[in-house]
Protein backbone atom coordinates (compact mmCIF):
# COMPACT_ATOMS: atom_id res chain seq x y z
CA MET A 1 90.36 52.17 18.98
CA ALA A 2 93.19 52.01 21.51
CA GLU A 3 96.74 52.97 20.66
CA ILE A 4 99.16 50.09 20.20
CA VAL A 5 101.99 50.16 22.76
CA ASN A 6 105.22 48.23 22.50
CA LEU A 7 105.62 46.73 25.98
CA ARG A 8 109.39 46.40 25.72
CA THR A 9 109.72 50.12 24.98
CA ALA A 10 107.31 51.00 27.77
CA ARG A 11 109.33 48.93 30.28
CA LYS A 12 112.59 50.57 29.17
CA ARG A 13 111.02 54.01 29.46
CA ALA A 14 109.77 53.22 32.97
CA ALA A 15 113.18 51.85 33.99
CA ARG A 16 114.93 54.99 32.69
CA ALA A 17 112.49 57.20 34.61
CA ALA A 18 113.09 55.23 37.82
CA ALA A 19 116.87 55.42 37.36
CA ARG A 20 116.67 59.16 36.71
CA LYS A 21 114.58 59.65 39.85
CA ALA A 22 117.04 57.65 41.96
CA GLY A 23 119.99 59.54 40.47
CA ASP A 24 118.40 62.90 41.18
CA ALA A 25 117.77 61.85 44.78
CA ASN A 26 121.41 60.78 45.18
CA ALA A 27 122.66 64.00 43.61
CA ALA A 28 120.55 66.06 45.98
CA ARG A 29 121.81 64.07 48.94
CA HIS A 30 125.51 63.72 48.07
CA GLY A 31 126.30 65.88 45.09
CA ARG A 32 128.13 69.17 45.18
CA LYS A 33 128.85 71.51 42.35
CA LYS A 34 132.33 71.60 40.84
CA ALA A 35 132.86 75.15 42.08
CA GLU A 36 131.98 74.14 45.65
CA LYS A 37 134.49 71.27 45.51
CA ALA A 38 137.19 73.57 44.15
CA LEU A 39 136.49 76.15 46.85
CA THR A 40 136.75 73.55 49.60
CA GLU A 41 139.99 72.21 48.15
CA ALA A 42 141.47 75.73 47.88
CA ARG A 43 140.52 76.51 51.48
CA GLN A 44 142.14 73.30 52.71
CA ALA A 45 145.31 74.03 50.74
CA LYS A 46 145.49 77.55 52.16
CA ALA A 47 145.00 76.25 55.69
CA ALA A 48 147.83 73.76 55.17
CA ARG A 49 150.12 76.52 53.80
CA ASP A 50 149.30 78.82 56.70
CA LEU A 51 150.00 76.06 59.21
CA GLU A 52 153.30 75.24 57.51
CA ALA A 53 154.28 78.92 57.56
CA HIS A 54 153.94 78.99 61.35
CA ARG A 55 156.35 76.14 61.99
CA ARG A 56 159.17 76.97 64.37
CA GLU A 57 161.66 74.30 63.36
CA ARG A 58 162.60 73.46 59.83
CA ALA A 59 166.01 71.95 60.58
CA ALA A 60 164.74 68.37 60.62
CA GLU A 61 163.05 68.77 57.23
CA GLU A 62 166.05 70.43 55.59
CA GLY A 63 168.59 67.94 56.93
CA LEU A 64 170.43 70.51 59.03
CA PRO A 65 171.92 69.57 62.38
CA ARG A 66 169.71 70.42 65.32
CA GLY A 67 171.04 72.57 68.09
CA GLY A 68 171.44 70.88 71.50
CA ASP A 69 172.13 67.35 70.24
């Protein structure tokens, strides 16, 4: 005799499997690990700090009068 299958449960199981498959595909395409995101953010912050350290004029930012005005 055949096994009795609840069709509602079978549909839900199939829908979950399809959603999982789509999610895995999106994660492979777009996802990055938390450590990779943190590394990228740290590198960008360091680049911004290094660029700021090489500025020649800080008088405008500090509110000091500029020479030659």
